[in-house]
Amino acid sequence: MFKTVLTEKKELVNIFHYTPSIVNGNTPLVIFVPGNPGIINFYSNFLRSLVEKYPKYEIYGLSHRGFTGGDSNFGELYDLNQQVENTRFLLSNILNDRKGANDNNNTQRPLILMGHSMGCYVLQKNIIENYQLNYKKIIFFMPTIVDIHKSEAGSKLNLVFKILPAFYLLVGGLVTLAINWLKLGWVFQIISKKFYEGYVIQNQIYDFITSSYFTKQALYLAKHEMNQIRDQWKDQHIFKNIIIGNNKDIFEMWFAGKDHRTFISIA
């Protein structure tokens, strides 16, 4: 179900794709966009629970740029606008895919869009540009779509970036020092195990926190989130009045007292 595809810039990103036995113009199409870090494998339990619950739906999960081990351009870091563009490209490919020579594309199929955290912002930007699609449901989990820098965690991180603008480079350097020079991989194993006991997820967490590139990418993206996801009320107005309109039943936002991210099933 997990595979690697090329972006518009010919870079590699991981995606999740489940195809039911029968796919036609009435088959619901589910597309999920993660938060930060944008590693779709982190969401494997959640995505598999969707498959179990909705086996007749076609389901996609999209990684963000800079979070794939096979990325051919290690070293380049991607900002929030580039993640919006990447999702736009992947969405376009999915929606314009034809299942057979005489079949229509997917643009009129019932569409269910789901996002988590920063992924909701990325989705909202794309939805505003594609208001004509056949939205059956739009679901945002713990969305960060406005004034992220005013949240409890956001205010702390924003302060760090104000004091140390290159904080992401510092952390990346410390990871390299800890893994390659101090040989502290065993410490990171313990940390990853504390997050989750499952084998697949634990390995993904370990790969992330021991990668200087991934940690830099995540913090670099977070820096742009703090600066960019602020006064988005114009977007909220467009989203509410044009996309949702009188059909308020298509839109849901889910919140939790504590966001455990991807390590629990929320389906």
C-alpha atoms as a PDB file:
ATOM      1  CA  MET A   1       0.000   0.000   0.000  1.00  0.00           C
ATOM      2  CA  PHE A   2       2.969   2.329   0.480  1.00  0.00           C
ATOM      3  CA  LYS A   3       4.878   3.320  -2.627  1.00  0.00           C
ATOM      4  CA  THR A   4       7.166   6.054  -3.944  1.00  0.00           C
ATOM      5  CA  VAL A   5       6.171   8.478  -6.725  1.00  0.00           C
ATOM      6  CA  LEU A   6       7.760  11.453  -8.465  1.00  0.00           C
ATOM      7  CA  THR A   7       6.815  15.047  -7.748  1.00  0.00           C
ATOM      8  CA  GLU A   8       6.555  17.777 -10.373  1.00  0.00           C
ATOM      9  CA  LYS A   9      10.256  18.519  -9.733  1.00  0.00           C
ATOM     10  CA  LYS A  10      11.144  14.822 -10.259  1.00  0.00           C
ATOM     11  CA  GLU A  11      11.801  14.277  -6.540  1.00  0.00           C
ATOM     12  CA  LEU A  12      10.612  11.200  -4.687  1.00  0.00           C
ATOM     13  CA  VAL A  13       7.798  11.212  -2.133  1.00  0.00           C
ATOM     14  CA  ASN A  14       6.093   8.322  -0.384  1.00  0.00           C
ATOM     15  CA  ILE A  15       2.355   7.862  -0.699  1.00  0.00           C
ATOM     16  CA  PHE A  16      -0.201   5.399   0.630  1.00  0.00           C
ATOM     17  CA  HIS A  17      -2.679   3.978  -1.890  1.00  0.00           C
ATOM     18  CA  TYR A  18      -5.440   1.461  -1.336  1.00  0.00           C
ATOM     19  CA  THR A  19      -7.591   0.426  -4.318  1.00  0.00           C
ATOM     20  CA  PRO A  20     -10.825  -1.519  -3.735  1.00  0.00           C
ATOM     21  CA  SER A  21     -11.794  -4.396  -6.003  1.00  0.00           C
ATOM     22  CA  ILE A  22     -14.302  -2.219  -7.902  1.00  0.00           C
ATOM     23  CA  VAL A  23     -13.594   1.393  -8.863  1.00  0.00           C
ATOM     24  CA  ASN A  24     -16.028   3.464 -10.936  1.00  0.00           C
ATOM     25  CA  GLY A  25     -17.451   6.977 -11.113  1.00  0.00           C
ATOM     26  CA  ASN A  26     -19.419   6.442  -7.891  1.00  0.00           C
ATOM     27  CA  THR A  27     -16.548   5.083  -5.789  1.00  0.00           C
ATOM     28  CA  PRO A  28     -15.673   7.584  -3.015  1.00  0.00           C
ATOM     29  CA  LEU A  29     -12.113   8.898  -3.228  1.00  0.00           C
ATOM     30  CA  VAL A  30     -10.408   9.650   0.104  1.00  0.00           C
ATOM     31  CA  ILE A  31      -7.256  11.813   0.163  1.00  0.00           C
ATOM     32  CA  PHE A  32      -5.387  12.439   3.425  1.00  0.00           C
ATOM     33  CA  VAL A  33      -2.676  15.089   3.945  1.00  0.00           C
ATOM     34  CA  PRO A  34      -0.446  14.819   7.063  1.00  0.00           C
ATOM     35  CA  GLY A  35       0.911  17.471   9.370  1.00  0.00           C
ATOM     36  CA  ASN A  36       4.552  18.157  10.194  1.00  0.00           C
ATOM     37  CA  PRO A  37       6.640  15.988   9.984  1.00  0.00           C
ATOM     38  CA  GLY A  38       5.011  14.992   6.734  1.00  0.00           C
ATOM     39  CA  ILE A  39       5.954  11.302   6.798  1.00  0.00           C
ATOM     40  CA  ILE A  40       2.913   9.360   5.636  1.00  0.00           C
ATOM     41  CA  ASN A  41       4.231   6.125   7.189  1.00  0.00           C
ATOM     42  CA  PHE A  42       3.684   7.726  10.621  1.00  0.00           C
ATOM     43  CA  TYR A  43      -0.020   7.464   9.863  1.00  0.00           C
ATOM     44  CA  SER A  44      -0.028   3.783   8.893  1.00  0.00           C
ATOM     45  CA  ASN A  45      -2.311   2.693  11.758  1.00  0.00           C
ATOM     46  CA  PHE A  46      -4.795   5.447  10.969  1.00  0.00           C
ATOM     47  CA  LEU A  47      -4.811   4.731   7.224  1.00  0.00           C
ATOM     48  CA  ARG A  48      -5.189   0.992   7.708  1.00  0.00           C
ATOM     49  CA  SER A  49      -8.088   1.601  10.084  1.00  0.00           C
ATOM     50  CA  LEU A  50      -9.746   3.628   7.310  1.00  0.00           C
ATOM     51  CA  VAL A  51      -9.283   0.706   4.914  1.00  0.00           C
ATOM     52  CA  GLU A  52     -10.825  -1.699   7.423  1.00  0.00           C
ATOM     53  CA  LYS A  53     -13.765   0.609   8.038  1.00  0.00           C
ATOM     54  CA  TYR A  54     -14.314   1.644   4.407  1.00  0.00           C
ATOM     55  CA  PRO A  55     -13.066  -1.229   2.203  1.00  0.00           C
ATOM     56  CA  LYS A  56     -15.078   0.000  -0.801  1.00  0.00           C
ATOM     57  CA  TYR A  57     -13.403   3.447  -0.812  1.00  0.00           C
ATOM     58  CA  GLU A  58     -10.231   4.282  -2.711  1.00  0.00           C
ATOM     59  CA  ILE A  59      -7.811   5.829  -0.193  1.00  0.00           C
ATOM     60  CA  TYR A  60      -4.667   7.937  -0.648  1.00  0.00           C
ATOM     61  CA  GLY A  61      -2.232   9.354   1.900  1.00  0.00           C
ATOM     62  CA  LEU A  62       0.322  11.922   0.672  1.00  0.00           C
ATOM     63  CA  SER A  63       3.752  12.704   2.129  1.00  0.00           C
ATOM     64  CA  HIS A  64       5.186  16.211   2.102  1.00  0.00           C
ATOM     65  CA  ARG A  65       8.407  17.018   0.247  1.00  0.00           C
ATOM     66  CA  GLY A  66      11.637  16.471   2.146  1.00  0.00           C
ATOM     67  CA  PHE A  67      10.360  13.552   4.224  1.00  0.00           C
ATOM     68  CA  THR A  68      11.210  10.613   1.969  1.00  0.00           C
ATOM     69  CA  GLY A  69      14.353   8.564   2.531  1.00  0.00           C
ATOM     70  CA  GLY A  70      14.860   8.224  -1.205  1.00  0.00           C
ATOM     71  CA  ASP A  71      14.734  11.961  -1.856  1.00  0.00           C
ATOM     72  CA  SER A  72      17.227  12.614  -4.637  1.00  0.00           C
ATOM     73  CA  ASN A  73      17.900  16.173  -3.499  1.00  0.00           C
ATOM     74  CA  PHE A  74      19.041  15.762   0.121  1.00  0.00           C
ATOM     75  CA  GLY A  75      20.122  19.058   1.560  1.00  0.00           C
ATOM     76  CA  GLU A  76      17.416  21.256   0.019  1.00  0.00           C
ATOM     77  CA  LEU A  77      14.748  22.296   2.510  1.00  0.00           C
ATOM     78  CA  TYR A  78      11.141  22.954   1.509  1.00  0.00           C
ATOM     79  CA  ASP A  79       8.936  25.731   2.869  1.00  0.00           C
ATOM     80  CA  LEU A  80       5.184  25.845   3.366  1.00  0.00           C
ATOM     81  CA  ASN A  81       4.369  27.228  -0.081  1.00  0.00           C
ATOM     82  CA  GLN A  82       6.351  24.423  -1.687  1.00  0.00           C
ATOM     83  CA  GLN A  83       4.337  21.881   0.326  1.00  0.00           C
ATOM     84  CA  VAL A  84       1.106  23.485  -0.921  1.00  0.00           C
ATOM     85  CA  GLU A  85       2.423  23.230  -4.496  1.00  0.00           C
ATOM     86  CA  ASN A  86       3.479  19.617  -3.994  1.00  0.00           C
ATOM     87  CA  THR A  87       0.031  18.642  -2.722  1.00  0.00           C
ATOM     88  CA  ARG A  88      -1.553  20.530  -5.627  1.00  0.00           C
ATOM     89  CA  PHE A  89       0.524  18.495  -8.087  1.00  0.00           C
ATOM     90  CA  LEU A  90      -0.250  15.155  -6.403  1.00  0.00           C
ATOM     91  CA  LEU A  91      -3.964  15.989  -6.151  1.00  0.00           C
ATOM     92  CA  SER A  92      -4.046  16.931  -9.826  1.00  0.00           C
ATOM     93  CA  ASN A  93      -2.428  13.647 -10.820  1.00  0.00           C
ATOM     94  CA  ILE A  94      -4.912  11.663  -8.731  1.00  0.00           C
ATOM     95  CA  LEU A  95      -7.975  13.571  -9.927  1.00  0.00           C
ATOM     96  CA  ASN A  96      -6.967  13.418 -13.594  1.00  0.00           C
ATOM     97  CA  ASP A  97      -6.004   9.750 -13.517  1.00  0.00           C
ATOM     98  CA  ARG A  98      -8.042   7.612 -15.849  1.00  0.00           C
ATOM     99  CA  LYS A  99      -8.851   4.058 -14.797  1.00  0.00           C
ATOM    100  CA  GLY A 100      -9.284   2.893 -18.368  1.00  0.00           C
ATOM    101  CA  ALA A 101      -9.052   4.145 -21.930  1.00  0.00           C
ATOM    102  CA  ASN A 102     -12.791   4.977 -22.099  1.00  0.00           C
ATOM    103  CA  ASP A 103     -13.273   6.074 -18.487  1.00  0.00           C
ATOM    104  CA  ASN A 104     -13.727   9.609 -17.273  1.00  0.00           C
ATOM    105  CA  ASN A 105     -11.200  11.040 -14.852  1.00  0.00           C
ATOM    106  CA  ASN A 106     -11.803  11.291 -11.102  1.00  0.00           C
ATOM    107  CA  THR A 107     -12.871  14.941 -10.911  1.00  0.00           C
ATOM    108  CA  GLN A 108     -16.579  14.103 -10.495  1.00  0.00           C
ATOM    109  CA  ARG A 109     -16.191  11.244  -8.057  1.00  0.00           C
ATOM    110  CA  PRO A 110     -17.408  11.789  -4.460  1.00  0.00           C
ATOM    111  CA  LEU A 111     -14.346  13.345  -2.808  1.00  0.00           C
ATOM    112  CA  ILE A 112     -13.459  13.064   0.881  1.00  0.00           C
ATOM    113  CA  LEU A 113     -10.527  15.248   1.939  1.00  0.00           C
ATOM    114  CA  MET A 114      -8.864  14.769   5.320  1.00  0.00           C
ATOM    115  CA  GLY A 115      -6.003  16.704   6.879  1.00  0.00           C
ATOM    116  CA  HIS A 116      -4.103  16.707  10.143  1.00  0.00           C
ATOM    117  CA  SER A 117      -2.611  19.804  11.796  1.00  0.00           C
ATOM    118  CA  MET A 118      -0.607  21.794   9.224  1.00  0.00           C
ATOM    119  CA  GLY A 119      -1.968  19.485   6.519  1.00  0.00           C
ATOM    120  CA  CYS A 120      -5.353  21.199   7.002  1.00  0.00           C
ATOM    121  CA  TYR A 121      -3.807  24.512   5.966  1.00  0.00           C
ATOM    122  CA  VAL A 122      -2.247  22.867   2.892  1.00  0.00           C
ATOM    123  CA  LEU A 123      -5.585  21.295   1.985  1.00  0.00           C
ATOM    124  CA  GLN A 124      -7.553  24.482   2.545  1.00  0.00           C
ATOM    125  CA  LYS A 125      -5.292  26.384   0.148  1.00  0.00           C
ATOM    126  CA  ASN A 126      -5.924  23.729  -2.490  1.00  0.00           C
ATOM    127  CA  ILE A 127      -9.667  23.489  -1.829  1.00  0.00           C
ATOM    128  CA  ILE A 128     -10.116  27.247  -2.324  1.00  0.00           C
ATOM    129  CA  GLU A 129      -8.563  26.884  -5.795  1.00  0.00           C
ATOM    130  CA  ASN A 130     -10.740  23.852  -6.652  1.00  0.00           C
ATOM    131  CA  TYR A 131     -14.165  24.826  -5.338  1.00  0.00           C
ATOM    132  CA  GLN A 132     -15.980  23.126  -8.234  1.00  0.00           C
ATOM    133  CA  LEU A 133     -15.103  19.557  -7.188  1.00  0.00           C
ATOM    134  CA  ASN A 134     -17.676  17.097  -5.867  1.00  0.00           C
ATOM    135  CA  TYR A 135     -16.897  17.311  -2.130  1.00  0.00           C
ATOM    136  CA  LYS A 136     -18.705  14.683  -0.102  1.00  0.00           C
ATOM    137  CA  LYS A 137     -16.807  15.412   3.120  1.00  0.00           C
ATOM    138  CA  ILE A 138     -13.977  17.668   4.326  1.00  0.00           C
ATOM    139  CA  ILE A 139     -12.545  16.646   7.701  1.00  0.00           C
ATOM    140  CA  PHE A 140      -9.830  18.533   9.593  1.00  0.00           C
ATOM    141  CA  PHE A 141      -8.130  16.834  12.546  1.00  0.00           C
ATOM    142  CA  MET A 142      -6.601  19.261  15.072  1.00  0.00           C
ATOM    143  CA  PRO A 143      -6.312  21.934  12.333  1.00  0.00           C
ATOM    144  CA  THR A 144      -3.753  24.734  12.323  1.00  0.00           C
ATOM    145  CA  ILE A 145      -5.313  27.104   9.819  1.00  0.00           C
ATOM    146  CA  VAL A 146      -4.998  30.492  11.511  1.00  0.00           C
ATOM    147  CA  ASP A 147      -2.746  32.204  14.126  1.00  0.00           C
ATOM    148  CA  ILE A 148      -0.645  29.105  14.831  1.00  0.00           C
ATOM    149  CA  HIS A 149       1.989  31.265  16.526  1.00  0.00           C
ATOM    150  CA  LYS A 150      -0.510  32.141  19.272  1.00  0.00           C
ATOM    151  CA  SER A 151      -1.002  28.550  20.420  1.00  0.00           C
ATOM    152  CA  GLU A 152       0.793  27.336  23.540  1.00  0.00           C
ATOM    153  CA  ALA A 153       3.376  25.305  21.635  1.00  0.00           C
ATOM    154  CA  GLY A 154       3.503  27.787  18.751  1.00  0.00           C
ATOM    155  CA  SER A 155       4.316  30.755  20.983  1.00  0.00           C
ATOM    156  CA  LYS A 156       7.260  28.897  22.504  1.00  0.00           C
ATOM    157  CA  LEU A 157       8.620  27.752  19.150  1.00  0.00           C
ATOM    158  CA  ASN A 158       8.095  31.196  17.646  1.00  0.00           C
ATOM    159  CA  LEU A 159      10.175  32.692  20.465  1.00  0.00           C
ATOM    160  CA  VAL A 160      12.952  30.172  19.819  1.00  0.00           C
ATOM    161  CA  PHE A 161      13.082  31.124  16.137  1.00  0.00           C
ATOM    162  CA  LYS A 162      13.159  34.819  17.008  1.00  0.00           C
ATOM    163  CA  ILE A 163      16.208  34.249  19.230  1.00  0.00           C
ATOM    164  CA  LEU A 164      17.840  31.640  16.970  1.00  0.00           C
ATOM    165  CA  PRO A 165      16.628  32.006  13.351  1.00  0.00           C
ATOM    166  CA  ALA A 166      18.826  29.073  12.299  1.00  0.00           C
ATOM    167  CA  PHE A 167      17.603  26.835  15.127  1.00  0.00           C
ATOM    168  CA  TYR A 168      16.784  24.094  12.630  1.00  0.00           C
ATOM    169  CA  LEU A 169      20.420  23.966  11.498  1.00  0.00           C
ATOM    170  CA  LEU A 170      21.630  23.792  15.105  1.00  0.00           C
ATOM    171  CA  VAL A 171      19.365  20.843  15.904  1.00  0.00           C
ATOM    172  CA  GLY A 172      20.381  19.073  12.696  1.00  0.00           C
ATOM    173  CA  GLY A 173      24.034  19.493  13.638  1.00  0.00           C
ATOM    174  CA  LEU A 174      23.402  18.124  17.127  1.00  0.00           C
ATOM    175  CA  VAL A 175      21.715  15.049  15.666  1.00  0.00           C
ATOM    176  CA  THR A 176      24.728  14.430  13.419  1.00  0.00           C
ATOM    177  CA  LEU A 177      27.049  14.846  16.402  1.00  0.00           C
ATOM    178  CA  ALA A 178      25.024  12.483  18.579  1.00  0.00           C
ATOM    179  CA  ILE A 179      24.689   9.728  15.982  1.00  0.00           C
ATOM    180  CA  ASN A 180      27.939   9.847  14.008  1.00  0.00           C
ATOM    181  CA  TRP A 181      30.391  11.015  16.651  1.00  0.00           C
ATOM    182  CA  LEU A 182      29.016  10.189  20.086  1.00  0.00           C
ATOM    183  CA  LYS A 183      27.368   6.936  18.917  1.00  0.00           C
ATOM    184  CA  LEU A 184      24.205   7.594  20.904  1.00  0.00           C
ATOM    185  CA  GLY A 185      21.894   5.639  18.635  1.00  0.00           C
ATOM    186  CA  TRP A 186      20.777   3.496  21.592  1.00  0.00           C
ATOM    187  CA  VAL A 187      19.422   6.611  23.325  1.00  0.00           C
ATOM    188  CA  PHE A 188      17.317   7.415  20.274  1.00  0.00           C
ATOM    189  CA  GLN A 189      16.048   3.818  20.262  1.00  0.00           C
ATOM    190  CA  ILE A 190      14.746   4.316  23.803  1.00  0.00           C
ATOM    191  CA  ILE A 191      13.145   7.629  22.854  1.00  0.00           C
ATOM    192  CA  SER A 192      11.403   6.147  19.821  1.00  0.00           C
ATOM    193  CA  LYS A 193      10.121   3.224  21.885  1.00  0.00           C
ATOM    194  CA  LYS A 194       8.559   5.598  24.400  1.00  0.00           C
ATOM    195  CA  PHE A 195       6.467   7.096  21.619  1.00  0.00           C
ATOM    196  CA  TYR A 196       5.011   3.816  20.470  1.00  0.00           C
ATOM    197  CA  GLU A 197       5.449   0.100  21.086  1.00  0.00           C
ATOM    198  CA  GLY A 198       4.607  -0.962  17.536  1.00  0.00           C
ATOM    199  CA  TYR A 199       7.474  -2.184  15.341  1.00  0.00           C
ATOM    200  CA  VAL A 200       6.695  -0.271  12.149  1.00  0.00           C
ATOM    201  CA  ILE A 201       5.920   3.072  13.765  1.00  0.00           C
ATOM    202  CA  GLN A 202       8.840   2.795  16.178  1.00  0.00           C
ATOM    203  CA  ASN A 203      11.255   2.224  13.301  1.00  0.00           C
ATOM    204  CA  GLN A 204       9.809   5.225  11.454  1.00  0.00           C
ATOM    205  CA  ILE A 205      10.237   7.427  14.527  1.00  0.00           C
ATOM    206  CA  TYR A 206      13.813   6.230  14.974  1.00  0.00           C
ATOM    207  CA  ASP A 207      14.626   6.934  11.320  1.00  0.00           C
ATOM    208  CA  PHE A 208      13.187  10.427  11.699  1.00  0.00           C
ATOM    209  CA  ILE A 209      14.878  11.527  14.930  1.00  0.00           C
ATOM    210  CA  THR A 210      18.256  10.114  13.853  1.00  0.00           C
ATOM    211  CA  SER A 211      18.190  11.910  10.491  1.00  0.00           C
ATOM    212  CA  SER A 212      19.821  15.326  10.483  1.00  0.00           C
ATOM    213  CA  TYR A 213      18.034  16.101   7.214  1.00  0.00           C
ATOM    214  CA  PHE A 214      14.548  15.125   8.426  1.00  0.00           C
ATOM    215  CA  THR A 215      14.875  17.070  11.689  1.00  0.00           C
ATOM    216  CA  LYS A 216      16.117  20.147   9.826  1.00  0.00           C
ATOM    217  CA  GLN A 217      13.264  19.837   7.323  1.00  0.00           C
ATOM    218  CA  ALA A 218      10.629  19.531  10.059  1.00  0.00           C
ATOM    219  CA  LEU A 219      11.925  22.536  12.011  1.00  0.00           C
ATOM    220  CA  TYR A 220      12.475  24.616   8.859  1.00  0.00           C
ATOM    221  CA  LEU A 221       8.873  23.937   7.868  1.00  0.00           C
ATOM    222  CA  ALA A 222       7.708  24.773  11.402  1.00  0.00           C
ATOM    223  CA  LYS A 223       9.511  28.115  11.166  1.00  0.00           C
ATOM    224  CA  HIS A 224       7.540  28.966   8.038  1.00  0.00           C
ATOM    225  CA  GLU A 225       4.320  27.808   9.696  1.00  0.00           C
ATOM    226  CA  MET A 226       4.906  30.261  12.561  1.00  0.00           C
ATOM    227  CA  ASN A 227       5.427  33.139  10.105  1.00  0.00           C
ATOM    228  CA  GLN A 228       2.764  32.274   7.533  1.00  0.00           C
ATOM    229  CA  ILE A 229      -0.256  30.691   9.230  1.00  0.00           C
ATOM    230  CA  ARG A 230      -1.378  33.905  10.887  1.00  0.00           C
ATOM    231  CA  ASP A 231      -4.051  36.255   9.600  1.00  0.00           C
ATOM    232  CA  GLN A 232      -5.903  33.785   7.377  1.00  0.00           C
ATOM    233  CA  TRP A 233      -9.414  35.147   8.016  1.00  0.00           C
ATOM    234  CA  LYS A 234      -9.898  36.012   4.351  1.00  0.00           C
ATOM    235  CA  ASP A 235      -9.276  32.352   3.498  1.00  0.00           C
ATOM    236  CA  GLN A 236     -11.740  31.265   6.194  1.00  0.00           C
ATOM    237  CA  HIS A 237     -14.372  33.577   4.703  1.00  0.00           C
ATOM    238  CA  ILE A 238     -13.874  32.136   1.204  1.00  0.00           C
ATOM    239  CA  PHE A 239     -13.864  28.598   2.557  1.00  0.00           C
ATOM    240  CA  LYS A 240     -17.040  29.112   4.584  1.00  0.00           C
ATOM    241  CA  ASN A 241     -19.102  31.002   2.003  1.00  0.00           C
ATOM    242  CA  ILE A 242     -17.974  29.493  -1.300  1.00  0.00           C
ATOM    243  CA  ILE A 243     -16.850  25.955  -0.490  1.00  0.00           C
ATOM    244  CA  ILE A 244     -19.185  25.073   2.358  1.00  0.00           C
ATOM    245  CA  GLY A 245     -22.023  27.509   1.570  1.00  0.00           C
ATOM    246  CA  ASN A 246     -25.369  26.105   2.640  1.00  0.00           C
ATOM    247  CA  ASN A 247     -24.047  22.545   2.714  1.00  0.00           C
ATOM    248  CA  LYS A 248     -22.556  22.688   6.196  1.00  0.00           C
ATOM    249  CA  ASP A 249     -22.886  18.926   6.680  1.00  0.00           C
ATOM    250  CA  ILE A 250     -19.853  18.277   4.468  1.00  0.00           C
ATOM    251  CA  PHE A 251     -17.396  19.966   6.853  1.00  0.00           C
ATOM    252  CA  GLU A 252     -16.111  18.664  10.195  1.00  0.00           C
ATOM    253  CA  MET A 253     -13.297  19.699  12.540  1.00  0.00           C
ATOM    254  CA  TRP A 254     -12.088  17.252  15.193  1.00  0.00           C
ATOM    255  CA  PHE A 255     -10.206  18.359  18.284  1.00  0.00           C
ATOM    256  CA  ALA A 256      -8.621  16.523  21.210  1.00  0.00           C
ATOM    257  CA  GLY A 257      -7.595  17.581  24.703  1.00  0.00           C
ATOM    258  CA  LYS A 258      -4.110  16.412  23.808  1.00  0.00           C
ATOM    259  CA  ASP A 259      -3.052  15.810  20.223  1.00  0.00           C
ATOM    260  CA  HIS A 260      -1.351  12.408  20.209  1.00  0.00           C
ATOM    261  CA  ARG A 261      -0.809  12.860  16.480  1.00  0.00           C
ATOM    262  CA  THR A 262      -0.605   9.610  14.565  1.00  0.00           C
ATOM    263  CA  PHE A 263       0.128   7.123  17.281  1.00  0.00           C
ATOM    264  CA  ILE A 264      -3.515   6.356  17.997  1.00  0.00           C
ATOM    265  CA  SER A 265      -6.318   5.417  15.636  1.00  0.00           C
ATOM    266  CA  ILE A 266      -8.786   8.263  15.233  1.00  0.00           C
ATOM    267  CA  ALA A 267     -11.061   6.584  12.683  1.00  0.00           C
END
